[in-house]
């Protein structure tokens, strides 16, 4: 576009090939509209040529043309990447001050579609705000799991030297069958391994966890006696 402003050209018809232009960015972009207005008044730029050039930058695919209505079916068929490209192109047209009719409406429809998909993605993959805390309550000789400040499961143990025997596990009422036992046992096994303790499972919760997650059996004394 800089070259076009410096070297005036004779206005061409709408059927003429679009000349190469340079899109302005940064602080210079804010002055583009005023420059184009003055250039157009003195006959040094063809605004239809400018519009044709911007539209020619779109990738050849099944995307809607400027004259094609953006129906829900058309919007749904576009990829997110394509939607973003069309939004940027529509914004560029609006920023020149010589945008075709309905450009603003199309821009808003594209933005709305992007926002709709973002909301749908959040519902499919909600961000977890649950706070989990595992601790060793040595005074009560039990490992405890808290979720959002509430005790949801615990594992009673007996410590004898370097031997850690798991003797009874429990999930509190209202938190059963929600994965609390698995979360607690995973933390117990890894904590025992980090402290170089000899883990001895002697309760149903521990046995079930190790049967369902054999990758953790290597950290138990049962595994050590069979290797």
Protein backbone atom coordinates (compact mmCIF):
# COMPACT_ATOMS: atom_id res chain seq x y z
CA UNK A 1 0.00 0.00 0.00
CA UNK A 2 2.96 2.28 0.64
CA UNK A 3 4.09 1.86 -2.97
CA UNK A 4 0.59 2.64 -4.22
CA UNK A 5 0.46 5.93 -2.33
CA UNK A 6 3.93 7.07 -3.46
CA UNK A 7 3.46 6.15 -7.13
CA UNK A 8 0.01 7.26 -8.34
CA UNK A 9 -1.63 4.90 -10.78
CA UNK A 10 -4.42 5.37 -13.25
CA UNK A 11 -7.70 4.05 -11.82
CA UNK A 12 -8.59 0.70 -13.36
CA UNK A 13 -11.89 -1.02 -13.87
CA UNK A 14 -13.17 -3.65 -11.45
CA UNK A 15 -12.16 -6.36 -13.90
CA UNK A 16 -8.50 -5.30 -13.91
CA UNK A 17 -5.94 -7.39 -12.07
CA UNK A 18 -5.17 -6.18 -8.56
CA UNK A 19 -1.75 -4.63 -8.13
CA UNK A 20 0.51 -5.81 -5.29
CA UNK A 21 -0.02 -3.85 -2.10
CA UNK A 22 1.64 -3.76 1.29
CA UNK A 23 -0.59 -4.04 4.37
CA UNK A 24 0.34 -1.48 7.00
CA UNK A 25 0.76 -2.61 10.59
CA UNK A 26 1.58 -1.01 13.92
CA UNK A 27 1.27 2.80 14.46
CA UNK A 28 1.21 3.46 10.72
CA UNK A 29 -1.94 1.40 10.34
CA UNK A 30 -3.99 3.91 12.35
CA UNK A 31 -3.24 6.60 9.73
CA UNK A 32 -4.16 4.38 6.77
CA UNK A 33 -7.82 5.40 6.53
CA UNK A 34 -7.06 9.14 6.41
CA UNK A 35 -4.33 8.68 3.80
CA UNK A 36 -6.59 6.57 1.61
CA UNK A 37 -9.36 9.13 1.86
CA UNK A 38 -7.07 11.94 0.69
CA UNK A 39 -5.57 9.77 -2.06
CA UNK A 40 -9.03 8.80 -3.30
CA UNK A 41 -10.13 12.46 -3.43
CA UNK A 42 -7.17 13.31 -5.68
CA UNK A 43 -7.72 10.31 -7.92
CA UNK A 44 -4.48 8.58 -6.97
CA UNK A 45 -6.03 5.30 -5.77
CA UNK A 46 -8.77 2.99 -6.92
CA UNK A 47 -10.76 1.87 -3.88
CA UNK A 48 -12.37 -0.99 -5.80
CA UNK A 49 -8.89 -2.22 -6.68
CA UNK A 50 -7.99 -2.10 -2.98
CA UNK A 51 -11.04 -4.19 -2.03
CA UNK A 52 -10.30 -6.68 -4.80
CA UNK A 53 -6.71 -7.05 -3.59
CA UNK A 54 -7.73 -7.73 0.03
CA UNK A 55 -10.30 -10.31 -1.04
CA UNK A 56 -7.70 -11.94 -3.31
CA UNK A 57 -5.57 -12.75 -0.24
CA UNK A 58 -8.11 -15.32 0.94
CA UNK A 59 -7.09 -18.93 0.46
CA UNK A 60 -8.94 -20.76 -2.32
CA UNK A 61 -11.27 -23.09 -0.46
CA UNK A 62 -14.95 -23.55 0.34
CA UNK A 63 -15.15 -20.44 2.50
CA UNK A 64 -18.08 -18.09 1.83
CA UNK A 65 -17.56 -15.24 -0.60
CA UNK A 66 -18.50 -11.69 0.28
CA UNK A 67 -21.81 -12.06 -1.51
CA UNK A 68 -22.70 -15.38 0.11
CA UNK A 69 -24.79 -15.18 3.29
CA UNK A 70 -23.22 -16.58 6.46
CA UNK A 71 -25.81 -19.13 7.51
CA UNK A 72 -25.42 -21.30 10.64
CA UNK A 73 -24.61 -24.25 8.39
CA UNK A 74 -21.84 -22.33 6.61
CA UNK A 75 -20.35 -21.12 9.90
CA UNK A 76 -20.44 -24.61 11.38
CA UNK A 77 -18.55 -26.00 8.37
CA UNK A 78 -15.57 -23.68 8.86
CA UNK A 79 -12.55 -24.67 10.93
CA UNK A 80 -11.48 -22.46 13.83
CA UNK A 81 -8.32 -21.57 11.93
CA UNK A 82 -10.39 -20.48 8.92
CA UNK A 83 -12.78 -18.50 11.11
CA UNK A 84 -9.87 -16.58 12.60
CA UNK A 85 -8.46 -15.82 9.17
CA UNK A 86 -11.84 -14.52 7.96
CA UNK A 87 -12.19 -12.39 11.08
CA UNK A 88 -8.77 -10.84 10.45
CA UNK A 89 -9.60 -10.20 6.80
CA UNK A 90 -12.93 -8.58 7.67
CA UNK A 91 -11.20 -6.41 10.27
CA UNK A 92 -8.62 -5.35 7.69
CA UNK A 93 -11.38 -4.31 5.29
CA UNK A 94 -13.16 -2.31 8.00
CA UNK A 95 -9.91 -0.63 9.02
CA UNK A 96 -9.34 0.75 5.51
CA UNK A 97 -12.55 2.75 5.61
CA UNK A 98 -13.57 1.34 2.20
CA UNK A 99 -15.18 -1.93 3.28
CA UNK A 100 -17.90 -3.51 1.15
CA UNK A 101 -21.47 -3.55 2.43
CA UNK A 102 -22.31 -6.08 5.17
CA UNK A 103 -18.64 -6.38 6.19
CA UNK A 104 -19.40 -5.30 9.77
CA UNK A 105 -22.30 -7.75 10.00
CA UNK A 106 -20.14 -10.58 8.69
CA UNK A 107 -17.36 -9.65 11.11
CA UNK A 108 -19.73 -9.80 14.09
CA UNK A 109 -21.17 -13.15 12.97
CA UNK A 110 -17.69 -14.65 12.65
CA UNK A 111 -16.67 -13.36 16.09
CA UNK A 112 -19.89 -14.71 17.61
CA UNK A 113 -19.17 -18.14 16.11
CA UNK A 114 -15.65 -18.16 17.56
CA UNK A 115 -17.00 -17.21 20.99
CA UNK A 116 -19.68 -19.91 20.75
CA UNK A 117 -17.06 -22.55 20.02
CA UNK A 118 -14.88 -21.34 22.88
CA UNK A 119 -17.80 -21.71 25.29
CA UNK A 120 -18.57 -25.18 23.92
CA UNK A 121 -14.93 -26.21 24.42
CA UNK A 122 -15.08 -25.06 28.06
CA UNK A 123 -18.15 -27.22 28.66
CA UNK A 124 -16.48 -30.25 27.06
CA UNK A 125 -13.24 -29.76 29.01
CA UNK A 126 -14.08 -27.84 32.18
CA UNK A 127 -11.17 -26.44 34.14
CA UNK A 128 -10.97 -28.23 37.46
CA UNK A 129 -10.95 -25.93 40.49
CA UNK A 130 -10.86 -28.81 43.00
CA UNK A 131 -8.13 -28.52 45.63
CA UNK A 132 -6.66 -31.81 46.83
CA UNK A 133 -4.37 -32.19 49.83
CA UNK A 134 -2.61 -35.34 51.01
CA UNK A 135 -0.99 -35.53 54.42
CA UNK A 136 0.53 -38.00 56.84
CA UNK A 137 -1.23 -37.62 60.20
CA UNK A 138 1.45 -39.31 62.27
CA UNK A 139 -0.39 -38.66 65.56
CA UNK A 140 -3.32 -40.78 64.36
CA UNK A 141 -1.12 -43.10 62.27
CA UNK A 142 -3.08 -42.56 59.10
CA UNK A 143 -2.74 -40.98 55.70
CA UNK A 144 -5.50 -38.53 54.86
CA UNK A 145 -6.93 -37.03 51.66
CA UNK A 146 -8.75 -33.71 51.73
CA UNK A 147 -10.76 -32.20 48.86
CA UNK A 148 -11.71 -28.54 49.16
CA UNK A 149 -10.96 -28.72 52.89
CA UNK A 150 -13.08 -31.82 53.54
CA UNK A 151 -11.66 -35.17 54.66
CA UNK A 152 -12.84 -37.66 52.02
CA UNK A 153 -10.67 -40.75 52.64
CA UNK A 154 -7.95 -42.08 54.92
CA UNK A 155 -5.63 -45.07 55.28
CA UNK A 156 -4.73 -46.39 58.73
CA UNK A 157 -1.17 -47.72 58.98
CA UNK A 158 1.34 -49.24 61.33
CA UNK A 159 5.00 -48.21 61.21
CA UNK A 160 7.70 -50.60 62.43
CA UNK A 161 11.19 -49.43 61.58
CA UNK A 162 11.27 -49.15 57.81
CA UNK A 163 8.14 -51.27 57.33
CA UNK A 164 4.90 -49.46 56.53
CA UNK A 165 1.88 -51.74 56.85
CA UNK A 166 -1.45 -50.52 55.47
CA UNK A 167 -4.12 -52.01 57.72
CA UNK A 168 -7.42 -50.25 56.95
CA UNK A 169 -8.68 -47.83 54.32
CA UNK A 170 -11.94 -45.93 54.27
CA UNK A 171 -13.83 -43.49 52.06
CA UNK A 172 -16.15 -41.22 54.00
CA UNK A 173 -19.87 -41.25 53.33
CA UNK A 174 -20.80 -38.96 50.45
CA UNK A 175 -17.44 -39.41 48.71
CA UNK A 176 -17.51 -43.10 47.88
CA UNK A 177 -17.05 -44.36 44.32
CA UNK A 178 -15.74 -40.97 43.21
CA UNK A 179 -12.07 -41.93 42.84
CA UNK A 180 -10.97 -40.76 46.30
CA UNK A 181 -9.55 -44.18 47.21
CA UNK A 182 -7.47 -44.31 44.03
CA UNK A 183 -6.14 -40.78 44.57
CA UNK A 184 -5.28 -41.54 48.19
CA UNK A 185 -3.56 -44.86 47.44
CA UNK A 186 -1.49 -43.36 44.63
CA UNK A 187 -0.24 -40.68 47.01
CA UNK A 188 0.46 -43.27 49.74
CA UNK A 189 2.49 -45.53 47.46
CA UNK A 190 4.56 -42.68 46.02
CA UNK A 191 5.12 -41.14 49.45
CA UNK A 192 6.35 -44.48 50.82
CA UNK A 193 8.66 -44.90 47.84
CA UNK A 194 10.08 -41.40 48.28
CA UNK A 195 10.77 -42.11 51.98
CA UNK A 196 12.35 -45.50 51.13
CA UNK A 197 9.78 -47.38 53.23
CA UNK A 198 8.93 -51.05 52.77
CA UNK A 199 5.22 -50.95 51.86
CA UNK A 200 3.13 -53.90 53.05
CA UNK A 201 -0.54 -53.94 51.88
CA UNK A 202 -2.86 -55.62 54.39
CA UNK A 203 -6.29 -54.18 53.58
CA UNK A 204 -8.92 -54.36 50.85
CA UNK A 205 -8.42 -50.78 49.61
CA UNK A 206 -4.69 -51.30 49.09
CA UNK A 207 -5.12 -54.74 47.48
CA UNK A 208 -7.78 -53.48 45.06
CA UNK A 209 -5.68 -50.48 44.06
CA UNK A 210 -2.58 -52.60 43.37
CA UNK A 211 -4.63 -55.13 41.39
CA UNK A 212 -6.13 -52.37 39.25
CA UNK A 213 -2.81 -50.52 38.91
CA UNK A 214 -0.07 -53.15 38.59
CA UNK A 215 2.52 -50.50 37.69
CA UNK A 216 2.63 -49.61 41.41
CA UNK A 217 3.28 -53.17 42.62
CA UNK A 218 7.01 -52.67 42.17
CA UNK A 219 6.94 -50.35 45.19
CA UNK A 220 5.56 -53.00 47.58
CA UNK A 221 7.31 -55.65 49.65
CA UNK A 222 5.08 -58.27 47.98
CA UNK A 223 6.68 -57.45 44.64
CA UNK A 224 10.17 -57.43 46.13
CA UNK A 225 9.83 -60.98 47.47
CA UNK A 226 8.90 -62.28 44.05
CA UNK A 227 11.64 -60.65 41.94
